[in-house]
PDB file of N, CA and C in Angstrom:
ATOM      1  N   MET A   1       0.834  -1.175   0.000  1.00  0.00           N
ATOM      2  CA  MET A   1       0.000   0.000   0.000  1.00  0.00           C
ATOM      3  C   MET A   1       0.880   1.240   0.000  1.00  0.00           C
ATOM      4  N   SER A   2       0.409   2.243  -0.681  1.00  0.00           N
ATOM      5  CA  SER A   2       1.160   3.490  -0.765  1.00  0.00           C
ATOM      6  C   SER A   2       0.185   4.656  -0.749  1.00  0.00           C
ATOM      7  N   ASN A   3       0.732   5.843  -0.819  1.00  0.00           N
ATOM      8  CA  ASN A   3      -0.090   7.040  -0.945  1.00  0.00           C
ATOM      9  C   ASN A   3      -0.197   7.391  -2.418  1.00  0.00           C
ATOM     10  N   LYS A   4      -1.264   8.112  -2.789  1.00  0.00           N
ATOM     11  CA  LYS A   4      -1.423   8.484  -4.194  1.00  0.00           C
ATOM     12  C   LYS A   4      -2.150   9.814  -4.296  1.00  0.00           C
ATOM     13  N   THR A   5      -1.712  10.624  -5.245  1.00  0.00           N
ATOM     14  CA  THR A   5      -2.429  11.849  -5.584  1.00  0.00           C
ATOM     15  C   THR A   5      -3.522  11.474  -6.567  1.00  0.00           C
ATOM     16  N   LEU A   6      -4.774  11.653  -6.147  1.00  0.00           N
ATOM     17  CA  LEU A   6      -5.916  11.329  -7.014  1.00  0.00           C
ATOM     18  C   LEU A   6      -6.166  12.449  -8.011  1.00  0.00           C
ATOM     19  N   ILE A   7      -5.968  13.693  -7.575  1.00  0.00           N
ATOM     20  CA  ILE A   7      -6.098  14.866  -8.439  1.00  0.00           C
ATOM     21  C   ILE A   7      -4.874  15.733  -8.200  1.00  0.00           C
ATOM     22  N   THR A   8      -4.122  16.006  -9.252  1.00  0.00           N
ATOM     23  CA  THR A   8      -2.943  16.855  -9.116  1.00  0.00           C
ATOM     24  C   THR A   8      -3.364  18.291  -8.838  1.00  0.00           C
ATOM     25  N   ALA A   9      -2.466  19.063  -8.254  1.00  0.00           N
ATOM     26  CA  ALA A   9      -2.753  20.455  -7.912  1.00  0.00           C
ATOM     27  C   ALA A   9      -3.113  21.234  -9.174  1.00  0.00           C
ATOM     28  N   GLN A  10      -4.351  21.746  -9.216  1.00  0.00           N
ATOM     29  CA  GLN A  10      -4.839  22.492 -10.364  1.00  0.00           C
ATOM     30  C   GLN A  10      -6.074  23.293  -9.977  1.00  0.00           C
ATOM     31  N   THR A  11      -6.406  24.268 -10.793  1.00  0.00           N
ATOM     32  CA  THR A  11      -7.585  25.091 -10.533  1.00  0.00           C
ATOM     33  C   THR A  11      -8.810  24.614 -11.311  1.00  0.00           C
ATOM     34  N   ASP A  12      -8.625  23.790 -12.328  1.00  0.00           N
ATOM     35  CA  ASP A  12      -9.740  23.288 -13.137  1.00  0.00           C
ATOM     36  C   ASP A  12     -10.633  22.340 -12.344  1.00  0.00           C
ATOM     37  N   ALA A  13     -11.904  22.282 -12.712  1.00  0.00           N
ATOM     38  CA  ALA A  13     -12.804  21.268 -12.167  1.00  0.00           C
ATOM     39  C   ALA A  13     -12.362  19.911 -12.712  1.00  0.00           C
ATOM     40  N   VAL A  14     -12.493  18.878 -11.896  1.00  0.00           N
ATOM     41  CA  VAL A  14     -12.131  17.529 -12.313  1.00  0.00           C
ATOM     42  C   VAL A  14     -13.301  16.607 -12.003  1.00  0.00           C
ATOM     43  N   ALA A  15     -13.760  15.895 -13.020  1.00  0.00           N
ATOM     44  CA  ALA A  15     -14.887  14.972 -12.864  1.00  0.00           C
ATOM     45  C   ALA A  15     -14.426  13.662 -12.237  1.00  0.00           C
ATOM     46  N   ALA A  16     -15.340  13.001 -11.542  1.00  0.00           N
ATOM     47  CA  ALA A  16     -15.053  11.683 -10.985  1.00  0.00           C
ATOM     48  C   ALA A  16     -15.002  10.669 -12.125  1.00  0.00           C
ATOM     49  N   ASP A  17     -13.928   9.903 -12.165  1.00  0.00           N
ATOM     50  CA  ASP A  17     -13.796   8.835 -13.155  1.00  0.00           C
ATOM     51  C   ASP A  17     -12.808   7.808 -12.631  1.00  0.00           C
ATOM     52  N   ILE A  18     -12.431   6.867 -13.469  1.00  0.00           N
ATOM     53  CA  ILE A  18     -11.529   5.799 -13.027  1.00  0.00           C
ATOM     54  C   ILE A  18     -10.180   6.356 -12.563  1.00  0.00           C
ATOM     55  N   ASN A  19      -9.787   7.535 -13.044  1.00  0.00           N
ATOM     56  CA  ASN A  19      -8.511   8.134 -12.641  1.00  0.00           C
ATOM     57  C   ASN A  19      -8.543   8.702 -11.227  1.00  0.00           C
ATOM     58  N   THR A  20      -9.719   8.934 -10.679  1.00  0.00           N
ATOM     59  CA  THR A  20      -9.834   9.463  -9.317  1.00  0.00           C
ATOM     60  C   THR A  20     -10.393   8.399  -8.370  1.00  0.00           C
ATOM     61  N   GLN A  21     -10.272   7.157  -8.742  1.00  0.00           N
ATOM     62  CA  GLN A  21     -10.878   6.045  -8.019  1.00  0.00           C
ATOM     63  C   GLN A  21      -9.933   5.472  -6.975  1.00  0.00           C
ATOM     64  N   PHE A  22     -10.492   5.061  -5.840  1.00  0.00           N
ATOM     65  CA  PHE A  22      -9.728   4.357  -4.819  1.00  0.00           C
ATOM     66  C   PHE A  22     -10.640   3.353  -4.123  1.00  0.00           C
ATOM     67  N   LYS A  23     -10.021   2.368  -3.492  1.00  0.00           N
ATOM     68  CA  LYS A  23     -10.763   1.281  -2.856  1.00  0.00           C
ATOM     69  C   LYS A  23     -10.578   1.361  -1.346  1.00  0.00           C
ATOM     70  N   VAL A  24     -11.640   1.043  -0.606  1.00  0.00           N
ATOM     71  CA  VAL A  24     -11.575   0.940   0.841  1.00  0.00           C
ATOM     72  C   VAL A  24     -11.969  -0.487   1.199  1.00  0.00           C
ATOM     73  N   THR A  25     -11.114  -1.167   1.956  1.00  0.00           N
ATOM     74  CA  THR A  25     -11.412  -2.525   2.401  1.00  0.00           C
ATOM     75  C   THR A  25     -11.865  -2.495   3.862  1.00  0.00           C
ATOM     76  N   ALA A  26     -12.427  -3.600   4.319  1.00  0.00           N
ATOM     77  CA  ALA A  26     -12.978  -3.665   5.668  1.00  0.00           C
ATOM     78  C   ALA A  26     -11.939  -3.393   6.744  1.00  0.00           C
ATOM     79  N   ASP A  27     -10.698  -3.764   6.500  1.00  0.00           N
ATOM     80  CA  ASP A  27      -9.680  -3.639   7.542  1.00  0.00           C
ATOM     81  C   ASP A  27      -8.702  -2.477   7.345  1.00  0.00           C
ATOM     82  N   VAL A  28      -8.846  -1.694   6.271  1.00  0.00           N
ATOM     83  CA  VAL A  28      -7.919  -0.591   6.019  1.00  0.00           C
ATOM     84  C   VAL A  28      -8.682   0.684   5.663  1.00  0.00           C
ATOM     85  N   PRO A  29      -8.929   1.561   6.659  1.00  0.00           N
ATOM     86  CA  PRO A  29      -9.561   2.849   6.339  1.00  0.00           C
ATOM     87  C   PRO A  29      -8.618   3.694   5.490  1.00  0.00           C
ATOM     88  N   VAL A  30      -9.188   4.584   4.691  1.00  0.00           N
ATOM     89  CA  VAL A  30      -8.395   5.452   3.810  1.00  0.00           C
ATOM     90  C   VAL A  30      -8.669   6.907   4.194  1.00  0.00           C
ATOM     91  N   THR A  31      -7.602   7.681   4.305  1.00  0.00           N
ATOM     92  CA  THR A  31      -7.733   9.105   4.584  1.00  0.00           C
ATOM     93  C   THR A  31      -7.596   9.878   3.280  1.00  0.00           C
ATOM     94  N   ILE A  32      -8.576  10.733   2.994  1.00  0.00           N
ATOM     95  CA  ILE A  32      -8.550  11.584   1.808  1.00  0.00           C
ATOM     96  C   ILE A  32      -8.384  13.021   2.290  1.00  0.00           C
ATOM     97  N   SER A  33      -7.465  13.730   1.673  1.00  0.00           N
ATOM     98  CA  SER A  33      -7.234  15.126   2.062  1.00  0.00           C
ATOM     99  C   SER A  33      -7.098  15.991   0.821  1.00  0.00           C
ATOM    100  N   SER A  34      -7.427  17.266   0.997  1.00  0.00           N
ATOM    101  CA  SER A  34      -7.318  18.224  -0.099  1.00  0.00           C
ATOM    102  C   SER A  34      -6.518  19.431   0.379  1.00  0.00           C
ATOM    103  N   THR A  35      -5.978  20.147  -0.576  1.00  0.00           N
ATOM    104  CA  THR A  35      -5.212  21.350  -0.269  1.00  0.00           C
ATOM    105  C   THR A  35      -5.875  22.550  -0.930  1.00  0.00           C
ATOM    106  N   LEU A  36      -5.796  23.680  -0.299  1.00  0.00           N
ATOM    107  CA  LEU A  36      -6.184  24.976  -0.863  1.00  0.00           C
ATOM    108  C   LEU A  36      -7.641  25.133  -1.261  1.00  0.00           C
ATOM    109  N   LEU A  37      -8.563  24.404  -0.640  1.00  0.00           N
ATOM    110  CA  LEU A  37      -9.977  24.691  -0.867  1.00  0.00           C
ATOM    111  C   LEU A  37     -10.309  26.005  -0.163  1.00  0.00           C
ATOM    112  N   ALA A  38     -11.151  26.806  -0.784  1.00  0.00           N
ATOM    113  CA  ALA A  38     -11.522  28.097  -0.194  1.00  0.00           C
ATOM    114  C   ALA A  38     -13.009  28.337  -0.413  1.00  0.00           C
ATOM    115  N   GLY A  39     -13.606  29.149   0.462  1.00  0.00           N
ATOM    116  CA  GLY A  39     -15.009  29.528   0.299  1.00  0.00           C
ATOM    117  C   GLY A  39     -15.917  28.326   0.184  1.00  0.00           C
ATOM    118  N   ALA A  40     -16.733  28.294  -0.861  1.00  0.00           N
ATOM    119  CA  ALA A  40     -17.709  27.219  -1.070  1.00  0.00           C
ATOM    120  C   ALA A  40     -17.158  26.081  -1.938  1.00  0.00           C
ATOM    121  N   GLU A  41     -15.886  26.116  -2.291  1.00  0.00           N
ATOM    122  CA  GLU A  41     -15.296  25.056  -3.109  1.00  0.00           C
ATOM    123  C   GLU A  41     -15.351  23.739  -2.342  1.00  0.00           C
ATOM    124  N   GLN A  42     -15.537  22.632  -3.088  1.00  0.00           N
ATOM    125  CA  GLN A  42     -15.567  21.348  -2.403  1.00  0.00           C
ATOM    126  C   GLN A  42     -15.132  20.205  -3.306  1.00  0.00           C
ATOM    127  N   VAL A  43     -14.832  19.102  -2.644  1.00  0.00           N
ATOM    128  CA  VAL A  43     -14.528  17.836  -3.298  1.00  0.00           C
ATOM    129  C   VAL A  43     -15.675  16.897  -2.951  1.00  0.00           C
ATOM    130  N   ASP A  44     -16.286  16.293  -3.972  1.00  0.00           N
ATOM    131  CA  ASP A  44     -17.427  15.401  -3.801  1.00  0.00           C
ATOM    132  C   ASP A  44     -16.987  13.948  -3.972  1.00  0.00           C
ATOM    133  N   PHE A  45     -17.706  13.045  -3.316  1.00  0.00           N
ATOM    134  CA  PHE A  45     -17.404  11.622  -3.381  1.00  0.00           C
ATOM    135  C   PHE A  45     -18.582  10.860  -3.976  1.00  0.00           C
ATOM    136  N   THR A  46     -18.282   9.859  -4.806  1.00  0.00           N
ATOM    137  CA  THR A  46     -19.277   8.891  -5.234  1.00  0.00           C
ATOM    138  C   THR A  46     -18.807   7.513  -4.774  1.00  0.00           C
ATOM    139  N   TYR A  47     -19.757   6.588  -4.661  1.00  0.00           N
ATOM    140  CA  TYR A  47     -19.498   5.283  -4.059  1.00  0.00           C
ATOM    141  C   TYR A  47     -20.105   4.176  -4.911  1.00  0.00           C
ATOM    142  N   SER A  48     -19.385   3.059  -4.998  1.00  0.00           N
ATOM    143  CA  SER A  48     -19.905   1.869  -5.669  1.00  0.00           C
ATOM    144  C   SER A  48     -19.773   0.682  -4.724  1.00  0.00           C
ATOM    145  N   GLY A  49     -20.878   0.022  -4.474  1.00  0.00           N
ATOM    146  CA  GLY A  49     -20.871  -1.195  -3.675  1.00  0.00           C
ATOM    147  C   GLY A  49     -20.953  -2.442  -4.529  1.00  0.00           C
ATOM    148  N   ASP A  50     -20.948  -2.264  -5.870  1.00  0.00           N
ATOM    149  CA  ASP A  50     -21.079  -3.414  -6.770  1.00  0.00           C
ATOM    150  C   ASP A  50     -19.841  -3.616  -7.639  1.00  0.00           C
ATOM    151  N   GLY A  51     -18.677  -3.269  -7.103  1.00  0.00           N
ATOM    152  CA  GLY A  51     -17.433  -3.512  -7.824  1.00  0.00           C
ATOM    153  C   GLY A  51     -17.103  -2.494  -8.892  1.00  0.00           C
ATOM    154  N   GLY A  52     -17.787  -1.363  -8.910  1.00  0.00           N
ATOM    155  CA  GLY A  52     -17.474  -0.310  -9.859  1.00  0.00           C
ATOM    156  C   GLY A  52     -18.409  -0.229 -11.051  1.00  0.00           C
ATOM    157  N   THR A  53     -19.511  -0.976 -11.029  1.00  0.00           N
ATOM    158  CA  THR A  53     -20.461  -0.923 -12.135  1.00  0.00           C
ATOM    159  C   THR A  53     -21.293   0.347 -12.080  1.00  0.00           C
ATOM    160  N   THR A  54     -21.828   0.666 -10.905  1.00  0.00           N
ATOM    161  CA  THR A  54     -22.624   1.880 -10.744  1.00  0.00           C
ATOM    162  C   THR A  54     -22.099   2.688  -9.555  1.00  0.00           C
ATOM    163  N   PHE A  55     -22.215   4.013  -9.659  1.00  0.00           N
ATOM    164  CA  PHE A  55     -21.768   4.917  -8.597  1.00  0.00           C
ATOM    165  C   PHE A  55     -22.911   5.835  -8.199  1.00  0.00           C
ATOM    166  N   THR A  56     -23.024   6.078  -6.893  1.00  0.00           N
ATOM    167  CA  THR A  56     -24.001   7.017  -6.353  1.00  0.00           C
ATOM    168  C   THR A  56     -23.278   7.964  -5.402  1.00  0.00           C
ATOM    169  N   THR A  57     -23.941   9.022  -5.002  1.00  0.00           N
ATOM    170  CA  THR A  57     -23.359   9.969  -4.060  1.00  0.00           C
ATOM    171  C   THR A  57     -23.019   9.250  -2.756  1.00  0.00           C
ATOM    172  N   ALA A  58     -21.780   9.403  -2.300  1.00  0.00           N
ATOM    173  CA  ALA A  58     -21.379   8.832  -1.011  1.00  0.00           C
ATOM    174  C   ALA A  58     -21.936   9.705   0.100  1.00  0.00           C
ATOM    175  N   THR A  59     -22.395   9.073   1.162  1.00  0.00           N
ATOM    176  CA  THR A  59     -22.986   9.825   2.271  1.00  0.00           C
ATOM    177  C   THR A  59     -22.288   9.505   3.587  1.00  0.00           C
ATOM    178  N   VAL A  60     -22.442  10.413   4.531  1.00  0.00           N
ATOM    179  CA  VAL A  60     -21.952  10.214   5.889  1.00  0.00           C
ATOM    180  C   VAL A  60     -22.945   9.293   6.587  1.00  0.00           C
ATOM    181  N   PHE A  61     -22.473   8.188   7.124  1.00  0.00           N
ATOM    182  CA  PHE A  61     -23.362   7.169   7.703  1.00  0.00           C
ATOM    183  C   PHE A  61     -24.269   7.741   8.787  1.00  0.00           C
ATOM    184  N   SER A  62     -23.712   8.543   9.686  1.00  0.00           N
ATOM    185  CA  SER A  62     -24.485   9.009  10.843  1.00  0.00           C
ATOM    186  C   SER A  62     -25.537  10.062  10.496  1.00  0.00           C
ATOM    187  N   THR A  63     -25.363  10.771   9.372  1.00  0.00           N
ATOM    188  CA  THR A  63     -26.294  11.860   9.045  1.00  0.00           C
ATOM    189  C   THR A  63     -26.992  11.699   7.695  1.00  0.00           C
ATOM    190  N   SER A  64     -26.524  10.790   6.871  1.00  0.00           N
ATOM    191  CA  SER A  64     -27.019  10.583   5.505  1.00  0.00           C
ATOM    192  C   SER A  64     -26.810  11.800   4.603  1.00  0.00           C
ATOM    193  N   SER A  65     -26.003  12.757   5.045  1.00  0.00           N
ATOM    194  CA  SER A  65     -25.683  13.914   4.198  1.00  0.00           C
ATOM    195  C   SER A  65     -24.542  13.547   3.258  1.00  0.00           C
ATOM    196  N   PRO A  66     -24.438  14.220   2.107  1.00  0.00           N
ATOM    197  CA  PRO A  66     -23.361  13.906   1.162  1.00  0.00           C
ATOM    198  C   PRO A  66     -21.979  14.061   1.799  1.00  0.00           C
ATOM    199  N   LEU A  67     -21.089  13.156   1.465  1.00  0.00           N
ATOM    200  CA  LEU A  67     -19.710  13.210   1.935  1.00  0.00           C
ATOM    201  C   LEU A  67     -18.946  14.190   1.050  1.00  0.00           C
ATOM    202  N   VAL A  68     -18.385  15.237   1.639  1.00  0.00           N
ATOM    203  CA  VAL A  68     -17.619  16.243   0.890  1.00  0.00           C
ATOM    204  C   VAL A  68     -16.438  16.717   1.707  1.00  0.00           C
ATOM    205  N   LEU A  69     -15.435  17.221   1.012  1.00  0.00           N
ATOM    206  CA  LEU A  69     -14.347  17.963   1.641  1.00  0.00           C
ATOM    207  C   LEU A  69     -14.601  19.434   1.361  1.00  0.00           C
ATOM    208  N   THR A  70     -14.327  20.274   2.344  1.00  0.00           N
ATOM    209  CA  THR A  70     -14.529  21.715   2.218  1.00  0.00           C
ATOM    210  C   THR A  70     -13.309  22.434   2.789  1.00  0.00           C
ATOM    211  N   ALA A  71     -13.314  23.753   2.696  1.00  0.00           N
ATOM    212  CA  ALA A  71     -12.213  24.545   3.254  1.00  0.00           C
ATOM    213  C   ALA A  71     -12.081  24.312   4.760  1.00  0.00           C
ATOM    214  N   SER A  72     -13.200  24.126   5.445  1.00  0.00           N
ATOM    215  CA  SER A  72     -13.147  23.933   6.899  1.00  0.00           C
ATOM    216  C   SER A  72     -13.042  22.465   7.315  1.00  0.00           C
ATOM    217  N   ALA A  73     -13.243  21.553   6.409  1.00  0.00           N
ATOM    218  CA  ALA A  73     -13.118  20.108   6.669  1.00  0.00           C
ATOM    219  C   ALA A  73     -12.403  19.483   5.479  1.00  0.00           C
ATOM    220  N   ALA A  74     -11.084  19.677   5.434  1.00  0.00           N
ATOM    221  CA  ALA A  74     -10.289  19.303   4.259  1.00  0.00           C
ATOM    222  C   ALA A  74      -9.714  17.898   4.326  1.00  0.00           C
ATOM    223  N   GLN A  75     -10.140  17.108   5.319  1.00  0.00           N
ATOM    224  CA  GLN A  75      -9.653  15.741   5.449  1.00  0.00           C
ATOM    225  C   GLN A  75     -10.762  14.870   6.024  1.00  0.00           C
ATOM    226  N   VAL A  76     -10.847  13.635   5.534  1.00  0.00           N
ATOM    227  CA  VAL A  76     -11.842  12.692   6.044  1.00  0.00           C
ATOM    228  C   VAL A  76     -11.237  11.290   6.001  1.00  0.00           C
ATOM    229  N   GLN A  77     -11.594  10.482   6.989  1.00  0.00           N
ATOM    230  CA  GLN A  77     -11.204   9.079   6.984  1.00  0.00           C
ATOM    231  C   GLN A  77     -12.424   8.262   6.601  1.00  0.00           C
ATOM    232  N   ILE A  78     -12.272   7.428   5.582  1.00  0.00           N
ATOM    233  CA  ILE A  78     -13.378   6.619   5.079  1.00  0.00           C
ATOM    234  C   ILE A  78     -13.178   5.178   5.537  1.00  0.00           C
ATOM    235  N   VAL A  79     -14.204   4.629   6.173  1.00  0.00           N
ATOM    236  CA  VAL A  79     -14.125   3.265   6.677  1.00  0.00           C
ATOM    237  C   VAL A  79     -15.131   2.337   5.996  1.00  0.00           C
ATOM    238  N   GLY A  80     -16.028   2.877   5.191  1.00  0.00           N
ATOM    239  CA  GLY A  80     -17.042   2.068   4.501  1.00  0.00           C
ATOM    240  C   GLY A  80     -16.462   1.344   3.310  1.00  0.00           C
ATOM    241  N   GLU A  81     -16.504   0.023   3.343  1.00  0.00           N
ATOM    242  CA  GLU A  81     -15.919  -0.794   2.292  1.00  0.00           C
ATOM    243  C   GLU A  81     -16.582  -0.528   0.944  1.00  0.00           C
ATOM    244  N   GLY A  82     -15.775  -0.410  -0.110  1.00  0.00           N
ATOM    245  CA  GLY A  82     -16.282  -0.207  -1.459  1.00  0.00           C
ATOM    246  C   GLY A  82     -15.286   0.529  -2.321  1.00  0.00           C
ATOM    247  N   ILE A  83     -15.734   0.943  -3.488  1.00  0.00           N
ATOM    248  CA  ILE A  83     -14.921   1.720  -4.421  1.00  0.00           C
ATOM    249  C   ILE A  83     -15.474   3.133  -4.431  1.00  0.00           C
ATOM    250  N   TYR A  84     -14.602   4.105  -4.332  1.00  0.00           N
ATOM    251  CA  TYR A  84     -14.982   5.507  -4.285  1.00  0.00           C
ATOM    252  C   TYR A  84     -14.281   6.263  -5.411  1.00  0.00           C
ATOM    253  N   ARG A  85     -14.883   7.373  -5.796  1.00  0.00           N
ATOM    254  CA  ARG A  85     -14.284   8.313  -6.736  1.00  0.00           C
ATOM    255  C   ARG A  85     -14.483   9.717  -6.190  1.00  0.00           C
ATOM    256  N   VAL A  86     -13.567  10.626  -6.551  1.00  0.00           N
ATOM    257  CA  VAL A  86     -13.693  12.014  -6.120  1.00  0.00           C
ATOM    258  C   VAL A  86     -13.819  12.929  -7.336  1.00  0.00           C
ATOM    259  N   ALA A  87     -14.488  14.052  -7.138  1.00  0.00           N
ATOM    260  CA  ALA A  87     -14.605  15.110  -8.148  1.00  0.00           C
ATOM    261  C   ALA A  87     -14.313  16.422  -7.447  1.00  0.00           C
ATOM    262  N   LYS A  88     -13.696  17.355  -8.145  1.00  0.00           N
ATOM    263  CA  LYS A  88     -13.307  18.627  -7.563  1.00  0.00           C
ATOM    264  C   LYS A  88     -13.930  19.777  -8.334  1.00  0.00           C
ATOM    265  N   ASP A  89     -14.443  20.755  -7.589  1.00  0.00           N
ATOM    266  CA  ASP A  89     -14.924  21.991  -8.210  1.00  0.00           C
ATOM    267  C   ASP A  89     -13.750  22.747  -8.820  1.00  0.00           C
ATOM    268  N   ALA A  90     -14.038  23.698  -9.704  1.00  0.00           N
ATOM    269  CA  ALA A  90     -13.017  24.662 -10.100  1.00  0.00           C
ATOM    270  C   ALA A  90     -12.642  25.430  -8.843  1.00  0.00           C
ATOM    271  N   THR A  91     -11.364  25.699  -8.671  1.00  0.00           N
ATOM    272  CA  THR A  91     -10.888  26.347  -7.445  1.00  0.00           C
ATOM    273  C   THR A  91     -10.037  27.567  -7.766  1.00  0.00           C
ATOM    274  N   VAL A  92     -10.009  28.499  -6.840  1.00  0.00           N
ATOM    275  CA  VAL A  92      -9.193  29.705  -7.011  1.00  0.00           C
ATOM    276  C   VAL A  92      -7.718  29.337  -6.930  1.00  0.00           C
ATOM    277  N   GLY A  93      -7.352  28.514  -5.938  1.00  0.00           N
ATOM    278  CA  GLY A  93      -5.970  28.044  -5.789  1.00  0.00           C
ATOM    279  C   GLY A  93      -5.820  26.666  -6.401  1.00  0.00           C
ATOM    280  N   ALA A  94      -4.586  26.291  -6.679  1.00  0.00           N
ATOM    281  CA  ALA A  94      -4.307  24.975  -7.256  1.00  0.00           C
ATOM    282  C   ALA A  94      -4.495  23.908  -6.184  1.00  0.00           C
ATOM    283  N   CYS A  95      -5.621  23.225  -6.227  1.00  0.00           N
ATOM    284  CA  CYS A  95      -6.026  22.246  -5.216  1.00  0.00           C
ATOM    285  C   CYS A  95      -5.673  20.835  -5.670  1.00  0.00           C
ATOM    286  N   ALA A  96      -5.119  20.056  -4.747  1.00  0.00           N
ATOM    287  CA  ALA A  96      -4.821  18.638  -4.986  1.00  0.00           C
ATOM    288  C   ALA A  96      -5.673  17.804  -4.050  1.00  0.00           C
ATOM    289  N   VAL A  97      -5.872  16.517  -4.413  1.00  0.00           N
ATOM    290  CA  VAL A  97      -6.580  15.571  -3.552  1.00  0.00           C
ATOM    291  C   VAL A  97      -5.739  14.311  -3.478  1.00  0.00           C
ATOM    292  N   ASP A  98      -5.473  13.870  -2.231  1.00  0.00           N
ATOM    293  CA  ASP A  98      -4.608  12.728  -2.001  1.00  0.00           C
ATOM    294  C   ASP A  98      -5.295  11.636  -1.190  1.00  0.00           C
ATOM    295  N   ALA A  99      -4.900  10.371  -1.429  1.00  0.00           N
ATOM    296  CA  ALA A  99      -5.406   9.222  -0.703  1.00  0.00           C
ATOM    297  C   ALA A  99      -4.254   8.554   0.032  1.00  0.00           C
ATOM    298  N   SER A 100      -4.502   8.162   1.306  1.00  0.00           N
ATOM    299  CA  SER A 100      -3.475   7.501   2.098  1.00  0.00           C
ATOM    300  C   SER A 100      -4.120   6.489   3.040  1.00  0.00           C
ATOM    301  N   PRO A 101      -3.808   5.220   2.994  1.00  0.00           N
ATOM    302  CA  PRO A 101      -3.054   4.577   1.931  1.00  0.00           C
ATOM    303  C   PRO A 101      -3.918   4.386   0.696  1.00  0.00           C
ATOM    304  N   PHE A 102      -3.275   4.162  -0.425  1.00  0.00           N
ATOM    305  CA  PHE A 102      -3.985   3.962  -1.688  1.00  0.00           C
ATOM    306  C   PHE A 102      -4.040   2.467  -1.970  1.00  0.00           C
ATOM    307  N   ILE A 103      -5.257   1.957  -2.200  1.00  0.00           N
ATOM    308  CA  ILE A 103      -5.458   0.548  -2.564  1.00  0.00           C
ATOM    309  C   ILE A 103      -6.129   0.521  -3.919  1.00  0.00           C
ATOM    310  N   GLN A 104      -5.509  -0.152  -4.872  1.00  0.00           N
ATOM    311  CA  GLN A 104      -6.054  -0.181  -6.224  1.00  0.00           C
ATOM    312  C   GLN A 104      -7.135  -1.197  -6.386  1.00  0.00           C
TER     313      GLN A 104
END
């Protein structure tokens, strides 16, 4: 297992796709962090429980609200087993998104 940059530092919006995908297993939580988010900018998560065939909005288990990274909450640890993807809004600063550890 290693760390991986899912989205390189950039200001452009980036859509969720196979290039921003990471896996979470039952015994290895993954920490996702972003840099330089400001204001209302955010990173969104989608989730697949069927091996990557279909993706839906990932939610916070305790609140059922969408799972996002924001300027005030720029890091999250994901413990729900499955395949996830991230998408990034256009940002004022060059924002990156990283996964640690990264499981393919």
